[in-house]
Amino acid sequence: MNLKPTNVPLTAKEFDTAVCGLCAGCGCGCGYILYLRDSVPVDLYGHPEDENGIGSLCTKGITLIQEATRNPLRLREPFIRKGTDFERLTPAEVSSWIRENLKGKVGVFLDRYTDLRDYALARSMGWEIYSDSIYLPFKASTLKPREWRERRVILSFECDPVFSEVMATRWLVDAFERSAYIFSVSTRLGTMGTKSTESLLLKPPLVVKFLEELAGAVEEGKSPAIFGEKVKKLAELLHTAYDSLILVGETLLRTRWKGNVLHALRRIRKKLPVDYSIVGNVSPLPAKDVKDLKEDFRELEALVLFGNPALYMSE
């Protein structure tokens, strides 16, 4: 993608240089325009020519490009702790320290604020990789997010973009304004529920049961045992609307019903040409999860942390 600064600046702030690039803050790789004055960032915008970019509404990676360089708490070079003191290290000294101290079975934890460079480094070192992201060995979506707004029927299961992928709200609101039929099944009331044509608030096991009954109604015309007419209506919509989309929040895949959810989605897709998107902190890069880290912890001779895994542990 060959990005150039726009003819008309997007910022109202004073600047002397505008540069374009691709953010490495997360897997989205959004295009951006960075405005500088005396080599200091003064403003940042998502590039309008990057149609799939999260851009200016991102609350994570792209913001770091602008703010990290001005954060007084940011470490600008490597340090090593010796007793109560910290000493600066050169890159060569860091490499030497890694070779001397990180031997045997080494684990590395990468949280969602790391990027592909961190993953590539850990993989090149032969380390065991752990992550709070859910590894999916298949495509997380059959559509690009901007294509969601073109769907006429959208079924959402425990998927509220405000809590997972913030920018996804943009295309869902577009779909709503284009009079799409949006049905939301969730355990909490959020943006998705309030924007939906219809919504249901259920406990997690019943969200999964609803999806399974929908799969049964689509696949074999089974009469739903619990949700009756609501499931029958949705099954009929999926049969008649060829531009439908099913959204599944990654929180459902963190439960013991992960297999049930994926199997139900597979059954529906086998019967009908329905698009799907799994929304949230998912990754196509192979990695073990936090549960594996807890089980393997005593076998590791060294553990490198990018982020705090304790945030994702219940105990």
C-alpha atoms as a PDB file:
ATOM      1  CA  MET A   1       0.000   0.000   0.000  1.00  0.00           C
ATOM      2  CA  ASN A   2       1.647   3.203  -1.249  1.00  0.00           C
ATOM      3  CA  LEU A   3       0.333   5.887   1.099  1.00  0.00           C
ATOM      4  CA  LYS A   4       0.997   9.577   0.652  1.00  0.00           C
ATOM      5  CA  PRO A   5      -0.062  12.596   2.754  1.00  0.00           C
ATOM      6  CA  THR A   6      -3.410  14.052   1.726  1.00  0.00           C
ATOM      7  CA  ASN A   7      -3.438  17.259  -0.332  1.00  0.00           C
ATOM      8  CA  VAL A   8      -5.458  18.958   2.397  1.00  0.00           C
ATOM      9  CA  PRO A   9      -3.985  18.314   5.886  1.00  0.00           C
ATOM     10  CA  LEU A  10      -6.256  16.440   8.290  1.00  0.00           C
ATOM     11  CA  THR A  11      -4.936  18.353  11.279  1.00  0.00           C
ATOM     12  CA  ALA A  12      -5.560  21.922  12.366  1.00  0.00           C
ATOM     13  CA  LYS A  13      -2.315  21.995  14.361  1.00  0.00           C
ATOM     14  CA  GLU A  14       0.874  23.597  13.093  1.00  0.00           C
ATOM     15  CA  PHE A  15       3.369  21.167  11.558  1.00  0.00           C
ATOM     16  CA  ASP A  16       6.319  21.184   9.168  1.00  0.00           C
ATOM     17  CA  THR A  17       6.427  17.525   8.085  1.00  0.00           C
ATOM     18  CA  ALA A  18       3.844  14.855   7.295  1.00  0.00           C
ATOM     19  CA  VAL A  19       4.854  11.194   7.032  1.00  0.00           C
ATOM     20  CA  CYS A  20       2.861   8.038   6.287  1.00  0.00           C
ATOM     21  CA  GLY A  21       3.357   4.535   7.545  1.00  0.00           C
ATOM     22  CA  LEU A  22       1.755   1.339   8.793  1.00  0.00           C
ATOM     23  CA  CYS A  23       1.169   0.898  12.517  1.00  0.00           C
ATOM     24  CA  ALA A  24       2.718  -2.146  14.219  1.00  0.00           C
ATOM     25  CA  GLY A  25       0.727  -1.774  17.427  1.00  0.00           C
ATOM     26  CA  CYS A  26      -1.484  -4.764  16.638  1.00  0.00           C
ATOM     27  CA  GLY A  27      -2.338  -7.138  13.823  1.00  0.00           C
ATOM     28  CA  CYS A  28      -4.524  -4.633  11.960  1.00  0.00           C
ATOM     29  CA  GLY A  29      -1.553  -2.847  10.401  1.00  0.00           C
ATOM     30  CA  CYS A  30      -3.485   0.376   9.805  1.00  0.00           C
ATOM     31  CA  GLY A  31      -2.181   3.124   7.573  1.00  0.00           C
ATOM     32  CA  TYR A  32      -1.604   6.483   9.258  1.00  0.00           C
ATOM     33  CA  ILE A  33      -0.467  10.058   8.651  1.00  0.00           C
ATOM     34  CA  LEU A  34       1.817  11.468  11.337  1.00  0.00           C
ATOM     35  CA  TYR A  35       2.292  15.249  11.560  1.00  0.00           C
ATOM     36  CA  LEU A  36       5.527  16.544  13.100  1.00  0.00           C
ATOM     37  CA  ARG A  37       6.960  19.875  14.107  1.00  0.00           C
ATOM     38  CA  ASP A  38      10.706  20.033  14.710  1.00  0.00           C
ATOM     39  CA  SER A  39      10.696  16.215  14.513  1.00  0.00           C
ATOM     40  CA  VAL A  40       8.196  15.980  17.390  1.00  0.00           C
ATOM     41  CA  PRO A  41       4.766  14.382  16.755  1.00  0.00           C
ATOM     42  CA  VAL A  42       1.951  16.901  17.097  1.00  0.00           C
ATOM     43  CA  ASP A  43      -0.987  14.970  15.621  1.00  0.00           C
ATOM     44  CA  LEU A  44      -1.892  11.602  14.172  1.00  0.00           C
ATOM     45  CA  TYR A  45      -4.707  10.398  11.912  1.00  0.00           C
ATOM     46  CA  GLY A  46      -5.683   7.132  10.327  1.00  0.00           C
ATOM     47  CA  HIS A  47      -5.079   7.351   6.576  1.00  0.00           C
ATOM     48  CA  PRO A  48      -8.401   7.754   4.703  1.00  0.00           C
ATOM     49  CA  GLU A  49      -7.146   5.636   1.776  1.00  0.00           C
ATOM     50  CA  ASP A  50      -6.734   2.596   4.025  1.00  0.00           C
ATOM     51  CA  GLU A  51     -10.307   1.314   3.740  1.00  0.00           C
ATOM     52  CA  ASN A  52      -9.817  -1.459   6.279  1.00  0.00           C
ATOM     53  CA  GLY A  53      -7.891   0.597   8.785  1.00  0.00           C
ATOM     54  CA  ILE A  54      -9.143   1.222  12.295  1.00  0.00           C
ATOM     55  CA  GLY A  55      -7.325   4.525  12.111  1.00  0.00           C
ATOM     56  CA  SER A  56      -8.156   7.504  14.256  1.00  0.00           C
ATOM     57  CA  LEU A  57     -10.672   5.634  16.408  1.00  0.00           C
ATOM     58  CA  CYS A  58      -8.051   3.139  17.596  1.00  0.00           C
ATOM     59  CA  THR A  59      -7.458   3.242  21.355  1.00  0.00           C
ATOM     60  CA  LYS A  60      -4.413   1.024  21.260  1.00  0.00           C
ATOM     61  CA  GLY A  61      -1.531   0.695  18.830  1.00  0.00           C
ATOM     62  CA  ILE A  62      -1.775   3.757  16.615  1.00  0.00           C
ATOM     63  CA  THR A  63      -2.113   5.988  19.668  1.00  0.00           C
ATOM     64  CA  LEU A  64       1.218   4.737  20.989  1.00  0.00           C
ATOM     65  CA  ILE A  65       3.058   6.118  17.970  1.00  0.00           C
ATOM     66  CA  GLN A  66       2.076   9.613  19.017  1.00  0.00           C
ATOM     67  CA  GLU A  67       2.054   9.344  22.803  1.00  0.00           C
ATOM     68  CA  ALA A  68       4.862   6.926  23.681  1.00  0.00           C
ATOM     69  CA  THR A  69       7.617   9.270  22.560  1.00  0.00           C
ATOM     70  CA  ARG A  70       6.324  11.968  24.920  1.00  0.00           C
ATOM     71  CA  ASN A  71       5.602   9.748  27.902  1.00  0.00           C
ATOM     72  CA  PRO A  72       8.019  10.686  30.726  1.00  0.00           C
ATOM     73  CA  LEU A  73       7.738   7.163  32.142  1.00  0.00           C
ATOM     74  CA  ARG A  74       8.835   5.491  28.925  1.00  0.00           C
ATOM     75  CA  LEU A  75      12.168   3.661  28.947  1.00  0.00           C
ATOM     76  CA  ARG A  76      14.081   4.830  25.886  1.00  0.00           C
ATOM     77  CA  GLU A  77      16.953   2.362  26.246  1.00  0.00           C
ATOM     78  CA  PRO A  78      17.660  -0.996  27.956  1.00  0.00           C
ATOM     79  CA  PHE A  79      18.332  -1.158  31.698  1.00  0.00           C
ATOM     80  CA  ILE A  80      19.388  -3.968  33.978  1.00  0.00           C
ATOM     81  CA  ARG A  81      18.758  -4.061  37.709  1.00  0.00           C
ATOM     82  CA  LYS A  82      21.693  -4.721  39.999  1.00  0.00           C
ATOM     83  CA  GLY A  83      20.620  -4.671  43.616  1.00  0.00           C
ATOM     84  CA  THR A  84      18.651  -1.473  44.096  1.00  0.00           C
ATOM     85  CA  ASP A  85      20.281   0.304  41.137  1.00  0.00           C
ATOM     86  CA  PHE A  86      19.629   0.238  37.394  1.00  0.00           C
ATOM     87  CA  GLU A  87      22.416   0.339  34.805  1.00  0.00           C
ATOM     88  CA  ARG A  88      22.095   1.198  31.117  1.00  0.00           C
ATOM     89  CA  LEU A  89      22.953  -1.463  28.545  1.00  0.00           C
ATOM     90  CA  THR A  90      23.917  -1.177  24.907  1.00  0.00           C
ATOM     91  CA  PRO A  91      22.098  -3.370  22.335  1.00  0.00           C
ATOM     92  CA  ALA A  92      25.226  -5.537  22.081  1.00  0.00           C
ATOM     93  CA  GLU A  93      25.243  -6.030  25.860  1.00  0.00           C
ATOM     94  CA  VAL A  94      21.557  -6.985  25.754  1.00  0.00           C
ATOM     95  CA  SER A  95      22.244  -9.643  23.110  1.00  0.00           C
ATOM     96  CA  SER A  96      25.155 -10.970  25.136  1.00  0.00           C
ATOM     97  CA  TRP A  97      23.014 -11.088  28.308  1.00  0.00           C
ATOM     98  CA  ILE A  98      20.276 -13.014  26.504  1.00  0.00           C
ATOM     99  CA  ARG A  99      22.746 -15.622  25.181  1.00  0.00           C
ATOM    100  CA  GLU A 100      24.320 -16.101  28.612  1.00  0.00           C
ATOM    101  CA  ASN A 101      21.190 -16.163  30.774  1.00  0.00           C
ATOM    102  CA  LEU A 102      18.255 -17.415  28.716  1.00  0.00           C
ATOM    103  CA  LYS A 103      19.154 -21.048  28.206  1.00  0.00           C
ATOM    104  CA  GLY A 104      17.225 -24.290  28.390  1.00  0.00           C
ATOM    105  CA  LYS A 105      13.447 -24.192  28.166  1.00  0.00           C
ATOM    106  CA  VAL A 106      12.473 -20.535  27.926  1.00  0.00           C
ATOM    107  CA  GLY A 107       8.908 -19.266  27.870  1.00  0.00           C
ATOM    108  CA  VAL A 108       7.791 -15.850  26.644  1.00  0.00           C
ATOM    109  CA  PHE A 109       4.415 -14.273  27.357  1.00  0.00           C
ATOM    110  CA  LEU A 110       3.084 -11.828  24.766  1.00  0.00           C
ATOM    111  CA  ASP A 111       0.011  -9.804  25.695  1.00  0.00           C
ATOM    112  CA  ARG A 112      -2.292  -8.080  23.192  1.00  0.00           C
ATOM    113  CA  TYR A 113      -0.207  -4.908  23.148  1.00  0.00           C
ATOM    114  CA  THR A 114       2.791  -6.645  21.595  1.00  0.00           C
ATOM    115  CA  ASP A 115       3.177  -6.927  17.858  1.00  0.00           C
ATOM    116  CA  LEU A 116       4.482  -9.168  15.092  1.00  0.00           C
ATOM    117  CA  ARG A 117       8.085  -8.118  15.706  1.00  0.00           C
ATOM    118  CA  ASP A 118       7.952  -9.449  19.284  1.00  0.00           C
ATOM    119  CA  TYR A 119       6.420 -12.710  18.074  1.00  0.00           C
ATOM    120  CA  ALA A 120       9.031 -13.127  15.324  1.00  0.00           C
ATOM    121  CA  LEU A 121      11.851 -12.492  17.811  1.00  0.00           C
ATOM    122  CA  ALA A 122      10.516 -15.085  20.259  1.00  0.00           C
ATOM    123  CA  ARG A 123      10.001 -17.626  17.470  1.00  0.00           C
ATOM    124  CA  SER A 124      13.510 -17.060  16.091  1.00  0.00           C
ATOM    125  CA  MET A 125      14.958 -17.728  19.550  1.00  0.00           C
ATOM    126  CA  GLY A 126      13.129 -21.047  19.765  1.00  0.00           C
ATOM    127  CA  TRP A 127      11.208 -19.957  22.870  1.00  0.00           C
ATOM    128  CA  GLU A 128       7.868 -21.373  23.963  1.00  0.00           C
ATOM    129  CA  ILE A 129       5.272 -18.691  23.217  1.00  0.00           C
ATOM    130  CA  TYR A 130       2.268 -17.972  25.433  1.00  0.00           C
ATOM    131  CA  SER A 131      -0.392 -15.353  24.805  1.00  0.00           C
ATOM    132  CA  ASP A 132      -3.723 -14.104  26.088  1.00  0.00           C
ATOM    133  CA  SER A 133      -4.938 -14.089  22.468  1.00  0.00           C
ATOM    134  CA  ILE A 134      -7.001 -17.013  21.225  1.00  0.00           C
ATOM    135  CA  TYR A 135      -5.187 -18.912  18.496  1.00  0.00           C
ATOM    136  CA  LEU A 136      -7.441 -19.745  15.548  1.00  0.00           C
ATOM    137  CA  PRO A 137      -6.000 -22.174  12.969  1.00  0.00           C
ATOM    138  CA  PHE A 138      -8.543 -20.897  10.435  1.00  0.00           C
ATOM    139  CA  LYS A 139      -9.727 -17.538   9.072  1.00  0.00           C
ATOM    140  CA  ALA A 140     -11.271 -15.422  11.813  1.00  0.00           C
ATOM    141  CA  SER A 141     -13.562 -13.760   9.293  1.00  0.00           C
ATOM    142  CA  THR A 142     -14.914 -14.358   5.804  1.00  0.00           C
ATOM    143  CA  LEU A 143     -15.471 -10.613   5.395  1.00  0.00           C
ATOM    144  CA  LYS A 144     -13.427  -7.494   5.850  1.00  0.00           C
ATOM    145  CA  PRO A 145     -14.972  -5.410   8.660  1.00  0.00           C
ATOM    146  CA  ARG A 146     -15.952  -2.603   6.274  1.00  0.00           C
ATOM    147  CA  GLU A 147     -18.109  -5.146   4.402  1.00  0.00           C
ATOM    148  CA  TRP A 148     -20.280  -5.751   7.477  1.00  0.00           C
ATOM    149  CA  ARG A 149     -22.302  -2.652   6.678  1.00  0.00           C
ATOM    150  CA  GLU A 150     -23.456  -4.264   3.424  1.00  0.00           C
ATOM    151  CA  ARG A 151     -25.135  -7.219   5.174  1.00  0.00           C
ATOM    152  CA  ARG A 152     -28.906  -7.131   5.443  1.00  0.00           C
ATOM    153  CA  VAL A 153     -29.156  -9.623   8.325  1.00  0.00           C
ATOM    154  CA  ILE A 154     -26.627  -9.634  11.184  1.00  0.00           C
ATOM    155  CA  LEU A 155     -26.801 -12.092  14.086  1.00  0.00           C
ATOM    156  CA  SER A 156     -24.537 -11.288  17.017  1.00  0.00           C
ATOM    157  CA  PHE A 157     -23.588 -13.762  19.756  1.00  0.00           C
ATOM    158  CA  GLU A 158     -21.859 -12.290  22.803  1.00  0.00           C
ATOM    159  CA  CYS A 159     -20.209  -9.756  20.548  1.00  0.00           C
ATOM    160  CA  ASP A 160     -20.060  -6.143  21.612  1.00  0.00           C
ATOM    161  CA  PRO A 161     -17.332  -4.297  19.713  1.00  0.00           C
ATOM    162  CA  VAL A 162     -17.066  -1.656  22.447  1.00  0.00           C
ATOM    163  CA  PHE A 163     -15.486  -4.328  24.638  1.00  0.00           C
ATOM    164  CA  SER A 164     -13.414  -6.075  21.983  1.00  0.00           C
ATOM    165  CA  GLU A 165     -12.684  -4.310  18.712  1.00  0.00           C
ATOM    166  CA  VAL A 166     -13.645  -0.679  19.144  1.00  0.00           C
ATOM    167  CA  MET A 167     -13.596   0.325  15.501  1.00  0.00           C
ATOM    168  CA  ALA A 168     -16.020  -2.458  14.545  1.00  0.00           C
ATOM    169  CA  THR A 169     -18.783  -0.243  15.912  1.00  0.00           C
ATOM    170  CA  ARG A 170     -18.300   2.057  12.924  1.00  0.00           C
ATOM    171  CA  TRP A 171     -19.447  -0.522  10.378  1.00  0.00           C
ATOM    172  CA  LEU A 172     -22.209  -1.920  12.566  1.00  0.00           C
ATOM    173  CA  VAL A 173     -23.679   1.540  13.015  1.00  0.00           C
ATOM    174  CA  ASP A 174     -23.493   1.964   9.237  1.00  0.00           C
ATOM    175  CA  ALA A 175     -25.410  -1.299   8.822  1.00  0.00           C
ATOM    176  CA  PHE A 176     -28.005  -0.161  11.353  1.00  0.00           C
ATOM    177  CA  GLU A 177     -28.477   3.131   9.520  1.00  0.00           C
ATOM    178  CA  ARG A 178     -28.953   1.195   6.283  1.00  0.00           C
ATOM    179  CA  SER A 179     -31.893  -0.617   7.946  1.00  0.00           C
ATOM    180  CA  ALA A 180     -30.160  -3.962   8.411  1.00  0.00           C
ATOM    181  CA  TYR A 181     -31.941  -6.452  10.647  1.00  0.00           C
ATOM    182  CA  ILE A 182     -29.630  -6.945  13.647  1.00  0.00           C
ATOM    183  CA  PHE A 183     -30.381  -9.592  16.279  1.00  0.00           C
ATOM    184  CA  SER A 184     -28.179  -9.611  19.376  1.00  0.00           C
ATOM    185  CA  VAL A 185     -27.803 -12.413  21.937  1.00  0.00           C
ATOM    186  CA  SER A 186     -25.563 -11.422  24.829  1.00  0.00           C
ATOM    187  CA  THR A 187     -24.910 -11.683  28.558  1.00  0.00           C
ATOM    188  CA  ARG A 188     -24.644  -7.914  28.952  1.00  0.00           C
ATOM    189  CA  LEU A 189     -26.276  -4.831  27.526  1.00  0.00           C
ATOM    190  CA  GLY A 190     -23.947  -2.737  25.416  1.00  0.00           C
ATOM    191  CA  THR A 191     -23.800  -0.831  22.158  1.00  0.00           C
ATOM    192  CA  MET A 192     -24.687  -3.892  20.121  1.00  0.00           C
ATOM    193  CA  GLY A 193     -27.829  -4.572  22.119  1.00  0.00           C
ATOM    194  CA  THR A 194     -29.044  -0.977  22.010  1.00  0.00           C
ATOM    195  CA  LYS A 195     -28.453  -0.717  18.247  1.00  0.00           C
ATOM    196  CA  SER A 196     -30.068  -4.072  17.487  1.00  0.00           C
ATOM    197  CA  THR A 197     -33.500  -4.517  15.963  1.00  0.00           C
ATOM    198  CA  GLU A 198     -34.087  -7.206  18.599  1.00  0.00           C
ATOM    199  CA  SER A 199     -31.952  -8.408  21.483  1.00  0.00           C
ATOM    200  CA  LEU A 200     -31.866 -11.084  24.159  1.00  0.00           C
ATOM    201  CA  LEU A 201     -29.995 -11.030  27.468  1.00  0.00           C
ATOM    202  CA  LEU A 202     -29.106 -14.566  28.558  1.00  0.00           C
ATOM    203  CA  LYS A 203     -26.677 -16.435  30.770  1.00  0.00           C
ATOM    204  CA  PRO A 204     -23.597 -17.776  28.898  1.00  0.00           C
ATOM    205  CA  PRO A 205     -24.804 -21.417  28.642  1.00  0.00           C
ATOM    206  CA  LEU A 206     -28.073 -20.237  27.115  1.00  0.00           C
ATOM    207  CA  VAL A 207     -26.263 -18.065  24.544  1.00  0.00           C
ATOM    208  CA  VAL A 208     -24.523 -21.230  23.357  1.00  0.00           C
ATOM    209  CA  LYS A 209     -27.787 -23.190  23.488  1.00  0.00           C
ATOM    210  CA  PHE A 210     -29.475 -20.534  21.342  1.00  0.00           C
ATOM    211  CA  LEU A 211     -26.755 -20.863  18.699  1.00  0.00           C
ATOM    212  CA  GLU A 212     -27.027 -24.676  18.780  1.00  0.00           C
ATOM    213  CA  GLU A 213     -30.813 -24.551  18.376  1.00  0.00           C
ATOM    214  CA  LEU A 214     -30.377 -22.153  15.459  1.00  0.00           C
ATOM    215  CA  ALA A 215     -27.956 -24.607  13.829  1.00  0.00           C
ATOM    216  CA  GLY A 216     -30.474 -27.425  14.315  1.00  0.00           C
ATOM    217  CA  ALA A 217     -33.308 -25.378  12.804  1.00  0.00           C
ATOM    218  CA  VAL A 218     -31.180 -24.358   9.806  1.00  0.00           C
ATOM    219  CA  GLU A 219     -29.709 -27.801   9.239  1.00  0.00           C
ATOM    220  CA  GLU A 220     -32.611 -30.153   9.813  1.00  0.00           C
ATOM    221  CA  GLY A 221     -35.613 -27.949  10.463  1.00  0.00           C
ATOM    222  CA  LYS A 222     -35.708 -29.089  14.082  1.00  0.00           C
ATOM    223  CA  SER A 223     -38.233 -27.396  16.344  1.00  0.00           C
ATOM    224  CA  PRO A 224     -36.332 -25.423  19.011  1.00  0.00           C
ATOM    225  CA  ALA A 225     -36.915 -26.803  22.495  1.00  0.00           C
ATOM    226  CA  ILE A 226     -36.248 -23.583  24.438  1.00  0.00           C
ATOM    227  CA  PHE A 227     -36.359 -20.554  22.179  1.00  0.00           C
ATOM    228  CA  GLY A 228     -39.172 -21.579  19.857  1.00  0.00           C
ATOM    229  CA  GLU A 229     -40.428 -18.916  17.478  1.00  0.00           C
ATOM    230  CA  LYS A 230     -37.391 -16.637  17.805  1.00  0.00           C
ATOM    231  CA  VAL A 231     -35.052 -19.341  16.489  1.00  0.00           C
ATOM    232  CA  LYS A 232     -37.499 -20.399  13.769  1.00  0.00           C
ATOM    233  CA  LYS A 233     -37.781 -16.799  12.578  1.00  0.00           C
ATOM    234  CA  LEU A 234     -34.004 -16.376  12.405  1.00  0.00           C
ATOM    235  CA  ALA A 235     -33.581 -19.698  10.585  1.00  0.00           C
ATOM    236  CA  GLU A 236     -36.112 -18.552   7.965  1.00  0.00           C
ATOM    237  CA  LEU A 237     -34.286 -15.233   7.588  1.00  0.00           C
ATOM    238  CA  LEU A 238     -30.980 -17.020   6.985  1.00  0.00           C
ATOM    239  CA  HIS A 239     -32.621 -19.226   4.354  1.00  0.00           C
ATOM    240  CA  THR A 240     -34.083 -16.260   2.466  1.00  0.00           C
ATOM    241  CA  ALA A 241     -31.347 -13.603   2.930  1.00  0.00           C
ATOM    242  CA  TYR A 242     -28.158 -14.341   1.026  1.00  0.00           C
ATOM    243  CA  ASP A 243     -26.268 -11.410   2.490  1.00  0.00           C
ATOM    244  CA  SER A 244     -26.302 -12.417   6.166  1.00  0.00           C
ATOM    245  CA  LEU A 245     -23.547 -12.342   8.765  1.00  0.00           C
ATOM    246  CA  ILE A 246     -22.987 -14.100  12.092  1.00  0.00           C
ATOM    247  CA  LEU A 247     -20.747 -12.362  14.636  1.00  0.00           C
ATOM    248  CA  VAL A 248     -19.237 -14.391  17.483  1.00  0.00           C
ATOM    249  CA  GLY A 249     -17.426 -12.725  20.374  1.00  0.00           C
ATOM    250  CA  GLU A 250     -14.136 -14.276  21.459  1.00  0.00           C
ATOM    251  CA  THR A 251     -15.371 -14.510  25.050  1.00  0.00           C
ATOM    252  CA  LEU A 252     -17.496 -17.486  23.996  1.00  0.00           C
ATOM    253  CA  LEU A 253     -14.349 -19.224  22.789  1.00  0.00           C
ATOM    254  CA  ARG A 254     -12.746 -18.797  26.221  1.00  0.00           C
ATOM    255  CA  THR A 255     -15.426 -20.969  27.825  1.00  0.00           C
ATOM    256  CA  ARG A 256     -15.699 -24.732  28.015  1.00  0.00           C
ATOM    257  CA  TRP A 257     -18.287 -24.510  25.226  1.00  0.00           C
ATOM    258  CA  LYS A 258     -15.765 -23.433  22.597  1.00  0.00           C
ATOM    259  CA  GLY A 259     -16.217 -26.697  20.684  1.00  0.00           C
ATOM    260  CA  ASN A 260     -20.020 -26.351  20.766  1.00  0.00           C
ATOM    261  CA  VAL A 261     -19.839 -22.806  19.382  1.00  0.00           C
ATOM    262  CA  LEU A 262     -17.495 -23.655  16.510  1.00  0.00           C
ATOM    263  CA  HIS A 263     -19.423 -26.841  15.667  1.00  0.00           C
ATOM    264  CA  ALA A 264     -22.739 -24.953  15.517  1.00  0.00           C
ATOM    265  CA  LEU A 265     -21.198 -22.276  13.307  1.00  0.00           C
ATOM    266  CA  ARG A 266     -19.773 -24.976  11.035  1.00  0.00           C
ATOM    267  CA  ARG A 267     -23.180 -26.681  10.731  1.00  0.00           C
ATOM    268  CA  ILE A 268     -24.866 -23.429   9.683  1.00  0.00           C
ATOM    269  CA  ARG A 269     -22.136 -22.625   7.173  1.00  0.00           C
ATOM    270  CA  LYS A 270     -22.328 -26.115   5.693  1.00  0.00           C
ATOM    271  CA  LYS A 271     -26.027 -25.654   4.991  1.00  0.00           C
ATOM    272  CA  LEU A 272     -26.149 -21.965   3.969  1.00  0.00           C
ATOM    273  CA  PRO A 273     -23.763 -19.390   2.407  1.00  0.00           C
ATOM    274  CA  VAL A 274     -23.597 -17.330   5.593  1.00  0.00           C
ATOM    275  CA  ASP A 275     -20.598 -15.105   6.346  1.00  0.00           C
ATOM    276  CA  TYR A 276     -19.057 -15.001   9.816  1.00  0.00           C
ATOM    277  CA  SER A 277     -16.598 -12.956  11.845  1.00  0.00           C
ATOM    278  CA  ILE A 278     -15.064 -13.882  15.183  1.00  0.00           C
ATOM    279  CA  VAL A 279     -14.540 -10.573  16.931  1.00  0.00           C
ATOM    280  CA  GLY A 280     -12.069  -9.822  19.685  1.00  0.00           C
ATOM    281  CA  ASN A 281      -8.569 -10.761  20.761  1.00  0.00           C
ATOM    282  CA  VAL A 282      -7.860 -13.587  18.321  1.00  0.00           C
ATOM    283  CA  SER A 283      -4.688 -14.390  16.424  1.00  0.00           C
ATOM    284  CA  PRO A 284      -3.641 -16.560  13.448  1.00  0.00           C
ATOM    285  CA  LEU A 285      -0.211 -17.033  15.045  1.00  0.00           C
ATOM    286  CA  PRO A 286       0.296 -20.333  16.930  1.00  0.00           C
ATOM    287  CA  ALA A 287       0.738 -19.797  20.662  1.00  0.00           C
ATOM    288  CA  LYS A 288      -0.191 -21.473  23.920  1.00  0.00           C
ATOM    289  CA  ASP A 289      -2.715 -19.790  26.211  1.00  0.00           C
ATOM    290  CA  VAL A 290      -2.529 -18.551  29.806  1.00  0.00           C
ATOM    291  CA  LYS A 291      -3.839 -21.880  31.104  1.00  0.00           C
ATOM    292  CA  ASP A 292      -0.888 -23.644  29.473  1.00  0.00           C
ATOM    293  CA  LEU A 293       1.487 -21.132  31.061  1.00  0.00           C
ATOM    294  CA  LYS A 294       0.161 -21.989  34.529  1.00  0.00           C
ATOM    295  CA  GLU A 295       0.627 -25.705  33.837  1.00  0.00           C
ATOM    296  CA  ASP A 296       4.118 -25.351  32.293  1.00  0.00           C
ATOM    297  CA  PHE A 297       5.435 -22.756  34.729  1.00  0.00           C
ATOM    298  CA  ARG A 298       7.506 -25.118  36.911  1.00  0.00           C
ATOM    299  CA  GLU A 299       9.152 -26.696  33.860  1.00  0.00           C
ATOM    300  CA  LEU A 300      10.458 -23.395  32.491  1.00  0.00           C
ATOM    301  CA  GLU A 301      14.016 -22.388  33.273  1.00  0.00           C
ATOM    302  CA  ALA A 302      13.356 -18.760  32.351  1.00  0.00           C
ATOM    303  CA  LEU A 303      10.270 -16.659  31.653  1.00  0.00           C
ATOM    304  CA  VAL A 304      10.251 -13.454  29.581  1.00  0.00           C
ATOM    305  CA  LEU A 305       7.211 -11.237  30.069  1.00  0.00           C
ATOM    306  CA  PHE A 306       5.808  -8.727  27.591  1.00  0.00           C
ATOM    307  CA  GLY A 307       2.884  -7.584  29.693  1.00  0.00           C
ATOM    308  CA  ASN A 308       1.430  -9.024  32.895  1.00  0.00           C
ATOM    309  CA  PRO A 309      -0.083 -12.534  32.595  1.00  0.00           C
ATOM    310  CA  ALA A 310      -1.562 -12.233  36.098  1.00  0.00           C
ATOM    311  CA  LEU A 311      -4.179  -9.886  34.628  1.00  0.00           C
ATOM    312  CA  TYR A 312      -5.646 -12.833  32.733  1.00  0.00           C
ATOM    313  CA  MET A 313      -5.570 -15.371  35.570  1.00  0.00           C
ATOM    314  CA  SER A 314      -8.536 -15.891  37.865  1.00  0.00           C
ATOM    315  CA  GLU A 315      -6.362 -16.882  40.819  1.00  0.00           C
END
